[in-house]
Structures are given as structure tokens and as C-alpha cells.
PDB file of N, CA and C in Angstrom:
ATOM      1  N   MET A   1       6.958 166.809-107.171  1.00  0.00           N
ATOM      2  CA  MET A   1       7.792 167.225-106.073  1.00  0.00           C
ATOM      3  C   MET A   1       6.977 167.283-104.791  1.00  0.00           C
ATOM      4  N   ASN A   2       7.626 166.972-103.729  1.00  0.00           N
ATOM      5  CA  ASN A   2       6.981 167.018-102.426  1.00  0.00           C
ATOM      6  C   ASN A   2       7.811 167.911-101.518  1.00  0.00           C
ATOM      7  N   PHE A   3       7.223 169.021-101.058  1.00  0.00           N
ATOM      8  CA  PHE A   3       7.912 169.942-100.184  1.00  0.00           C
ATOM      9  C   PHE A   3       7.308 169.847 -98.793  1.00  0.00           C
ATOM     10  N   SER A   4       8.170 169.940 -97.796  1.00  0.00           N
ATOM     11  CA  SER A   4       7.700 169.923 -96.421  1.00  0.00           C
ATOM     12  C   SER A   4       8.339 171.091 -95.675  1.00  0.00           C
ATOM     13  N   PHE A   5       7.511 171.934 -95.089  1.00  0.00           N
ATOM     14  CA  PHE A   5       7.995 173.078 -94.334  1.00  0.00           C
ATOM     15  C   PHE A   5       7.379 173.048 -92.946  1.00  0.00           C
ATOM     16  N   SER A   6       8.148 173.462 -91.983  1.00  0.00           N
ATOM     17  CA  SER A   6       7.617 173.582 -90.625  1.00  0.00           C
ATOM     18  C   SER A   6       8.032 174.937 -90.071  1.00  0.00           C
ATOM     19  N   PHE A   7       7.471 175.996 -90.665  1.00  0.00           N
ATOM     20  CA  PHE A   7       7.843 177.346 -90.271  1.00  0.00           C
ATOM     21  C   PHE A   7       7.350 177.678 -88.877  1.00  0.00           C
ATOM     22  N   ASN A   8       8.195 178.366 -88.156  1.00  0.00           N
ATOM     23  CA  ASN A   8       7.857 178.862 -86.827  1.00  0.00           C
ATOM     24  C   ASN A   8       8.172 180.354 -86.847  1.00  0.00           C
ATOM     25  N   ILE A   9       7.176 181.187 -86.638  1.00  0.00           N
ATOM     26  CA  ILE A   9       7.346 182.635 -86.665  1.00  0.00           C
ATOM     27  C   ILE A   9       7.309 183.152 -85.234  1.00  0.00           C
ATOM     28  N   LYS A  10       8.342 183.944 -84.884  1.00  0.00           N
ATOM     29  CA  LYS A  10       8.465 184.476 -83.529  1.00  0.00           C
ATOM     30  C   LYS A  10       8.713 185.977 -83.593  1.00  0.00           C
ATOM     31  N   PRO A  11       8.349 186.693 -82.536  1.00  0.00           N
ATOM     32  CA  PRO A  11       8.702 188.114 -82.492  1.00  0.00           C
ATOM     33  C   PRO A  11      10.229 188.275 -82.564  1.00  0.00           C
ATOM     34  N   PHE A  12      10.685 189.271 -83.293  1.00  0.00           N
ATOM     35  CA  PHE A  12      12.102 189.581 -83.459  1.00  0.00           C
ATOM     36  C   PHE A  12      12.503 190.475 -82.290  1.00  0.00           C
ATOM     37  N   THR A  13      13.412 190.010 -81.443  1.00  0.00           N
ATOM     38  CA  THR A  13      13.876 190.801 -80.304  1.00  0.00           C
ATOM     39  C   THR A  13      15.357 191.124 -80.476  1.00  0.00           C
ATOM     40  N   THR A  14      15.859 191.979 -79.617  1.00  0.00           N
ATOM     41  CA  THR A  14      17.275 192.345 -79.680  1.00  0.00           C
ATOM     42  C   THR A  14      18.167 191.122 -79.500  1.00  0.00           C
ATOM     43  N   ASN A  15      17.701 190.098 -78.810  1.00  0.00           N
ATOM     44  CA  ASN A  15      18.491 188.868 -78.623  1.00  0.00           C
ATOM     45  C   ASN A  15      18.709 188.116 -79.931  1.00  0.00           C
ATOM     46  N   ASP A  16      17.870 188.364 -80.933  1.00  0.00           N
ATOM     47  CA  ASP A  16      17.948 187.666 -82.217  1.00  0.00           C
ATOM     48  C   ASP A  16      18.830 188.386 -83.235  1.00  0.00           C
ATOM     49  N   TYR A  17      19.285 189.589 -82.910  1.00  0.00           N
ATOM     50  CA  TYR A  17      19.915 190.426 -83.934  1.00  0.00           C
ATOM     51  C   TYR A  17      21.180 189.806 -84.519  1.00  0.00           C
ATOM     52  N   LYS A  18      22.016 189.208 -83.698  1.00  0.00           N
ATOM     53  CA  LYS A  18      23.264 188.618 -84.200  1.00  0.00           C
ATOM     54  C   LYS A  18      22.977 187.529 -85.229  1.00  0.00           C
ATOM     55  N   SER A  19      22.063 186.637 -84.919  1.00  0.00           N
ATOM     56  CA  SER A  19      21.711 185.551 -85.853  1.00  0.00           C
ATOM     57  C   SER A  19      21.096 186.109 -87.130  1.00  0.00           C
ATOM     58  N   ALA A  20      20.251 187.115 -86.995  1.00  0.00           N
ATOM     59  CA  ALA A  20      19.623 187.723 -88.170  1.00  0.00           C
ATOM     60  C   ALA A  20      20.673 188.384 -89.051  1.00  0.00           C
ATOM     61  N   TYR A  21      21.604 189.100 -88.441  1.00  0.00           N
ATOM     62  CA  TYR A  21      22.653 189.776 -89.207  1.00  0.00           C
ATOM     63  C   TYR A  21      23.495 188.756 -89.979  1.00  0.00           C
ATOM     64  N   GLU A  22      23.805 187.642 -89.343  1.00  0.00           N
ATOM     65  CA  GLU A  22      24.563 186.584 -90.019  1.00  0.00           C
ATOM     66  C   GLU A  22      23.782 186.032 -91.211  1.00  0.00           C
ATOM     67  N   LEU A  23      22.477 185.885 -91.066  1.00  0.00           N
ATOM     68  CA  LEU A  23      21.633 185.450 -92.188  1.00  0.00           C
ATOM     69  C   LEU A  23      21.701 186.476 -93.322  1.00  0.00           C
ATOM     70  N   TRP A  24      21.566 187.748 -92.988  1.00  0.00           N
ATOM     71  CA  TRP A  24      21.606 188.797 -94.010  1.00  0.00           C
ATOM     72  C   TRP A  24      22.939 188.814 -94.740  1.00  0.00           C
ATOM     73  N   GLU A  25      24.035 188.590 -93.993  1.00  0.00           N
ATOM     74  CA  GLU A  25      25.364 188.566 -94.630  1.00  0.00           C
ATOM     75  C   GLU A  25      25.477 187.442 -95.659  1.00  0.00           C
ATOM     76  N   ARG A  26      24.787 186.336 -95.432  1.00  0.00           N
ATOM     77  CA  ARG A  26      24.829 185.171 -96.335  1.00  0.00           C
ATOM     78  C   ARG A  26      23.824 185.263 -97.481  1.00  0.00           C
ATOM     79  N   THR A  27      22.947 186.237 -97.444  1.00  0.00           N
ATOM     80  CA  THR A  27      21.879 186.330 -98.435  1.00  0.00           C
ATOM     81  C   THR A  27      22.365 187.051 -99.688  1.00  0.00           C
ATOM     82  N   PRO A  28      22.443 186.346-100.830  1.00  0.00           N
ATOM     83  CA  PRO A  28      22.905 186.986-102.074  1.00  0.00           C
ATOM     84  C   PRO A  28      22.020 188.169-102.459  1.00  0.00           C
ATOM     85  N   GLY A  29      22.666 189.258-102.854  1.00  0.00           N
ATOM     86  CA  GLY A  29      21.946 190.437-103.318  1.00  0.00           C
ATOM     87  C   GLY A  29      21.495 191.384-102.226  1.00  0.00           C
ATOM     88  N   LEU A  30      21.607 190.981-100.966  1.00  0.00           N
ATOM     89  CA  LEU A  30      21.195 191.852 -99.862  1.00  0.00           C
ATOM     90  C   LEU A  30      22.392 192.696 -99.445  1.00  0.00           C
ATOM     91  N   LYS A  31      22.263 193.991 -99.554  1.00  0.00           N
ATOM     92  CA  LYS A  31      23.341 194.922 -99.217  1.00  0.00           C
ATOM     93  C   LYS A  31      23.126 195.481 -97.821  1.00  0.00           C
ATOM     94  N   LEU A  32      24.116 195.327 -96.954  1.00  0.00           N
ATOM     95  CA  LEU A  32      24.040 195.861 -95.597  1.00  0.00           C
ATOM     96  C   LEU A  32      24.711 197.231 -95.563  1.00  0.00           C
ATOM     97  N   ARG A  33      24.158 198.105 -94.730  1.00  0.00           N
ATOM     98  CA  ARG A  33      24.670 199.470 -94.591  1.00  0.00           C
ATOM     99  C   ARG A  33      24.945 199.752 -93.123  1.00  0.00           C
ATOM    100  N   GLY A  34      25.449 200.935 -92.846  1.00  0.00           N
ATOM    101  CA  GLY A  34      25.692 201.343 -91.467  1.00  0.00           C
ATOM    102  C   GLY A  34      24.426 201.330 -90.633  1.00  0.00           C
ATOM    103  N   ALA A  35      23.284 201.602 -91.269  1.00  0.00           N
ATOM    104  CA  ALA A  35      22.004 201.592 -90.558  1.00  0.00           C
ATOM    105  C   ALA A  35      21.660 200.187 -90.052  1.00  0.00           C
ATOM    106  N   ASP A  36      22.331 199.161 -90.591  1.00  0.00           N
ATOM    107  CA  ASP A  36      22.060 197.781 -90.193  1.00  0.00           C
ATOM    108  C   ASP A  36      22.958 197.309 -89.054  1.00  0.00           C
ATOM    109  N   SER A  37      23.738 198.218 -88.477  1.00  0.00           N
ATOM    110  CA  SER A  37      24.633 197.838 -87.379  1.00  0.00           C
ATOM    111  C   SER A  37      23.819 197.304 -86.195  1.00  0.00           C
ATOM    112  N   LYS A  38      24.487 196.561 -85.330  1.00  0.00           N
ATOM    113  CA  LYS A  38      23.815 195.994 -84.156  1.00  0.00           C
ATOM    114  C   LYS A  38      23.185 197.105 -83.317  1.00  0.00           C
ATOM    115  N   GLU A  39      23.915 198.172 -83.089  1.00  0.00           N
ATOM    116  CA  GLU A  39      23.401 199.277 -82.272  1.00  0.00           C
ATOM    117  C   GLU A  39      22.146 199.893 -82.898  1.00  0.00           C
ATOM    118  N   ASN A  40      22.199 200.195 -84.190  1.00  0.00           N
ATOM    119  CA  ASN A  40      21.037 200.781 -84.866  1.00  0.00           C
ATOM    120  C   ASN A  40      19.875 199.803 -84.946  1.00  0.00           C
ATOM    121  N   GLY A  41      20.174 198.540 -85.210  1.00  0.00           N
ATOM    122  CA  GLY A  41      19.125 197.531 -85.293  1.00  0.00           C
ATOM    123  C   GLY A  41      18.403 197.336 -83.976  1.00  0.00           C
ATOM    124  N   GLU A  42      19.169 197.285 -82.892  1.00  0.00           N
ATOM    125  CA  GLU A  42      18.550 197.118 -81.578  1.00  0.00           C
ATOM    126  C   GLU A  42      17.721 198.342 -81.201  1.00  0.00           C
ATOM    127  N   LYS A  43      18.181 199.523 -81.569  1.00  0.00           N
ATOM    128  CA  LYS A  43      17.414 200.750 -81.317  1.00  0.00           C
ATOM    129  C   LYS A  43      16.087 200.700 -82.077  1.00  0.00           C
ATOM    130  N   TYR A  44      16.139 200.264 -83.335  1.00  0.00           N
ATOM    131  CA  TYR A  44      14.940 200.139 -84.173  1.00  0.00           C
ATOM    132  C   TYR A  44      13.945 199.155 -83.549  1.00  0.00           C
ATOM    133  N   LEU A  45      14.441 198.006 -83.084  1.00  0.00           N
ATOM    134  CA  LEU A  45      13.568 196.995 -82.481  1.00  0.00           C
ATOM    135  C   LEU A  45      12.940 197.497 -81.174  1.00  0.00           C
ATOM    136  N   ARG A  46      13.694 198.234 -80.375  1.00  0.00           N
ATOM    137  CA  ARG A  46      13.140 198.785 -79.130  1.00  0.00           C
ATOM    138  C   ARG A  46      12.076 199.847 -79.417  1.00  0.00           C
ATOM    139  N   ARG A  47      12.279 200.644 -80.470  1.00  0.00           N
ATOM    140  CA  ARG A  47      11.319 201.698 -80.830  1.00  0.00           C
ATOM    141  C   ARG A  47      10.051 201.109 -81.448  1.00  0.00           C
ATOM    142  N   ASN A  48      10.161 199.910 -82.024  1.00  0.00           N
ATOM    143  CA  ASN A  48       9.049 199.281 -82.733  1.00  0.00           C
ATOM    144  C   ASN A  48       8.789 197.874 -82.187  1.00  0.00           C
ATOM    145  N   PRO A  49       8.453 197.765 -80.913  1.00  0.00           N
ATOM    146  CA  PRO A  49       8.244 196.424 -80.348  1.00  0.00           C
ATOM    147  C   PRO A  49       7.032 195.737 -80.978  1.00  0.00           C
ATOM    148  N   ASN A  50       7.119 194.435 -81.112  1.00  0.00           N
ATOM    149  CA  ASN A  50       6.007 193.600 -81.588  1.00  0.00           C
ATOM    150  C   ASN A  50       5.599 193.840 -83.033  1.00  0.00           C
ATOM    151  N   SER A  51       6.468 194.454 -83.846  1.00  0.00           N
ATOM    152  CA  SER A  51       6.113 194.649 -85.254  1.00  0.00           C
ATOM    153  C   SER A  51       7.096 193.967 -86.205  1.00  0.00           C
ATOM    154  N   SER A  52       8.122 193.306 -85.673  1.00  0.00           N
ATOM    155  CA  SER A  52       9.106 192.605 -86.487  1.00  0.00           C
ATOM    156  C   SER A  52       9.162 191.136 -86.054  1.00  0.00           C
ATOM    157  N   PHE A  53       9.494 190.269 -87.018  1.00  0.00           N
ATOM    158  CA  PHE A  53       9.438 188.831 -86.760  1.00  0.00           C
ATOM    159  C   PHE A  53      10.631 188.107 -87.371  1.00  0.00           C
ATOM    160  N   ILE A  54      10.958 186.950 -86.795  1.00  0.00           N
ATOM    161  CA  ILE A  54      11.965 186.056 -87.355  1.00  0.00           C
ATOM    162  C   ILE A  54      11.261 184.749 -87.712  1.00  0.00           C
ATOM    163  N   VAL A  55      11.781 184.078 -88.739  1.00  0.00           N
ATOM    164  CA  VAL A  55      11.133 182.878 -89.255  1.00  0.00           C
ATOM    165  C   VAL A  55      12.136 181.730 -89.247  1.00  0.00           C
ATOM    166  N   TYR A  56      11.745 180.630 -88.634  1.00  0.00           N
ATOM    167  CA  TYR A  56      12.568 179.421 -88.596  1.00  0.00           C
ATOM    168  C   TYR A  56      11.888 178.315 -89.387  1.00  0.00           C
ATOM    169  N   ASP A  57      12.699 177.514 -90.075  1.00  0.00           N
ATOM    170  CA  ASP A  57      12.255 176.251 -90.660  1.00  0.00           C
ATOM    171  C   ASP A  57      12.930 175.185 -89.822  1.00  0.00           C
ATOM    172  N   GLY A  58      12.187 174.613 -88.914  1.00  0.00           N
ATOM    173  CA  GLY A  58      12.791 173.716 -87.931  1.00  0.00           C
ATOM    174  C   GLY A  58      13.678 174.532 -87.009  1.00  0.00           C
ATOM    175  N   GLU A  59      14.976 174.198 -86.975  1.00  0.00           N
ATOM    176  CA  GLU A  59      15.934 174.909 -86.125  1.00  0.00           C
ATOM    177  C   GLU A  59      16.734 175.967 -86.890  1.00  0.00           C
ATOM    178  N   VAL A  60      16.468 176.114 -88.170  1.00  0.00           N
ATOM    179  CA  VAL A  60      17.266 177.002 -89.025  1.00  0.00           C
ATOM    180  C   VAL A  60      16.551 178.336 -89.249  1.00  0.00           C
ATOM    181  N   LEU A  61      17.236 179.435 -88.940  1.00  0.00           N
ATOM    182  CA  LEU A  61      16.692 180.761 -89.209  1.00  0.00           C
ATOM    183  C   LEU A  61      16.707 180.980 -90.716  1.00  0.00           C
ATOM    184  N   VAL A  62      15.529 181.226 -91.293  1.00  0.00           N
ATOM    185  CA  VAL A  62      15.426 181.350 -92.749  1.00  0.00           C
ATOM    186  C   VAL A  62      14.916 182.715 -93.201  1.00  0.00           C
ATOM    187  N   GLY A  63      14.450 183.547 -92.289  1.00  0.00           N
ATOM    188  CA  GLY A  63      13.940 184.832 -92.737  1.00  0.00           C
ATOM    189  C   GLY A  63      13.674 185.799 -91.603  1.00  0.00           C
ATOM    190  N   THR A  64      13.584 187.065 -91.989  1.00  0.00           N
ATOM    191  CA  THR A  64      13.247 188.130 -91.052  1.00  0.00           C
ATOM    192  C   THR A  64      12.259 189.068 -91.728  1.00  0.00           C
ATOM    193  N   ILE A  65      11.422 189.660 -90.928  1.00  0.00           N
ATOM    194  CA  ILE A  65      10.501 190.694 -91.405  1.00  0.00           C
ATOM    195  C   ILE A  65      10.578 191.827 -90.386  1.00  0.00           C
ATOM    196  N   LEU A  66      11.002 192.984 -90.845  1.00  0.00           N
ATOM    197  CA  LEU A  66      11.083 194.144 -89.967  1.00  0.00           C
ATOM    198  C   LEU A  66      10.071 195.175 -90.416  1.00  0.00           C
ATOM    199  N   ALA A  67       9.298 195.671 -89.476  1.00  0.00           N
ATOM    200  CA  ALA A  67       8.312 196.702 -89.764  1.00  0.00           C
ATOM    201  C   ALA A  67       8.367 197.720 -88.639  1.00  0.00           C
ATOM    202  N   GLY A  68       8.277 198.978 -89.002  1.00  0.00           N
ATOM    203  CA  GLY A  68       8.296 200.011 -87.986  1.00  0.00           C
ATOM    204  C   GLY A  68       8.504 201.372 -88.591  1.00  0.00           C
ATOM    205  N   HIS A  69       8.993 202.299 -87.764  1.00  0.00           N
ATOM    206  CA  HIS A  69       9.218 203.673 -88.211  1.00  0.00           C
ATOM    207  C   HIS A  69      10.473 204.211 -87.555  1.00  0.00           C
ATOM    208  N   ASP A  70      10.987 205.276 -88.119  1.00  0.00           N
ATOM    209  CA  ASP A  70      12.161 205.937 -87.545  1.00  0.00           C
ATOM    210  C   ASP A  70      11.773 207.258 -86.884  1.00  0.00           C
ATOM    211  N   GLY A  71      10.490 207.460 -86.659  1.00  0.00           N
ATOM    212  CA  GLY A  71       9.994 208.702 -86.096  1.00  0.00           C
ATOM    213  C   GLY A  71       9.422 209.628 -87.157  1.00  0.00           C
ATOM    214  N   LYS A  72       9.776 209.351 -88.410  1.00  0.00           N
ATOM    215  CA  LYS A  72       9.297 210.191 -89.512  1.00  0.00           C
ATOM    216  C   LYS A  72       8.695 209.350 -90.629  1.00  0.00           C
ATOM    217  N   ARG A  73       9.359 208.250 -90.995  1.00  0.00           N
ATOM    218  CA  ARG A  73       8.928 207.413 -92.115  1.00  0.00           C
ATOM    219  C   ARG A  73       8.657 205.986 -91.641  1.00  0.00           C
ATOM    220  N   GLY A  74       7.719 205.303 -92.314  1.00  0.00           N
ATOM    221  CA  GLY A  74       7.440 203.899 -92.026  1.00  0.00           C
ATOM    222  C   GLY A  74       8.233 203.001 -92.960  1.00  0.00           C
ATOM    223  N   TYR A  75       8.570 201.803 -92.482  1.00  0.00           N
ATOM    224  CA  TYR A  75       9.367 200.857 -93.257  1.00  0.00           C
ATOM    225  C   TYR A  75       8.846 199.447 -93.113  1.00  0.00           C
ATOM    226  N   ILE A  76       8.978 198.674 -94.161  1.00  0.00           N
ATOM    227  CA  ILE A  76       8.797 197.219 -94.122  1.00  0.00           C
ATOM    228  C   ILE A  76       9.954 196.648 -94.924  1.00  0.00           C
ATOM    229  N   SER A  77      10.725 195.753 -94.310  1.00  0.00           N
ATOM    230  CA  SER A  77      11.823 195.127 -95.032  1.00  0.00           C
ATOM    231  C   SER A  77      11.907 193.668 -94.614  1.00  0.00           C
ATOM    232  N   CYS A  78      12.471 192.870 -95.491  1.00  0.00           N
ATOM    233  CA  CYS A  78      12.607 191.459 -95.174  1.00  0.00           C
ATOM    234  C   CYS A  78      13.923 190.935 -95.726  1.00  0.00           C
ATOM    235  N   GLY A  79      14.379 189.878 -95.157  1.00  0.00           N
ATOM    236  CA  GLY A  79      15.585 189.208 -95.634  1.00  0.00           C
ATOM    237  C   GLY A  79      15.416 187.726 -95.433  1.00  0.00           C
ATOM    238  N   CYS A  80      15.869 186.969 -96.376  1.00  0.00           N
ATOM    239  CA  CYS A  80      15.770 185.518 -96.249  1.00  0.00           C
ATOM    240  C   CYS A  80      16.985 184.866 -96.889  1.00  0.00           C
ATOM    241  N   GLY A  81      17.262 183.678 -96.437  1.00  0.00           N
ATOM    242  CA  GLY A  81      18.440 182.976 -96.937  1.00  0.00           C
ATOM    243  C   GLY A  81      18.062 181.807 -97.784  1.00  0.00           C
TER     244      GLY A  81
END
């Protein structure tokens, strides 16, 4: 088998949230909660700048990595399609 990947990793900003949420909705086994709402997600990204990333394979969004804290606990989560 021959696999070819051209991953591009970029900082995850509030502008990316809609596309990321759509990816998460399509990801089997990934359960979304109220904490994953656009408002909560954007608040999380603003509180934790430069610690979350989005991953593209060419022009297709294929993954997210979120890292940060809520003021009390630290988190690392990821989603991929």
C-alpha cells in the first residue's frame, strides 16, 4: 500500500469553530454536549489562545486538538473524521 498525506496544522481560532463542529458531528462515536456549543467553544479558545490546533489534509479538515483549562482543570481532547 502507498499512502500519501499532506497535513497542514494551524492554530485553532474562533473562526474555525463552525467547521470543527461540523467535523465532530460527522465523527462516529464522538458525543457532543452543551459544553461544545459555539458560545462555550469560542470562550474556551479565547481563554486558551495558541494551545489548540486544527489539522487539514489538503483542503479537507480532518482533525482538531484542543488543549487548555477551564480555570480549575486542564484538558486535552481531539476529534477526527
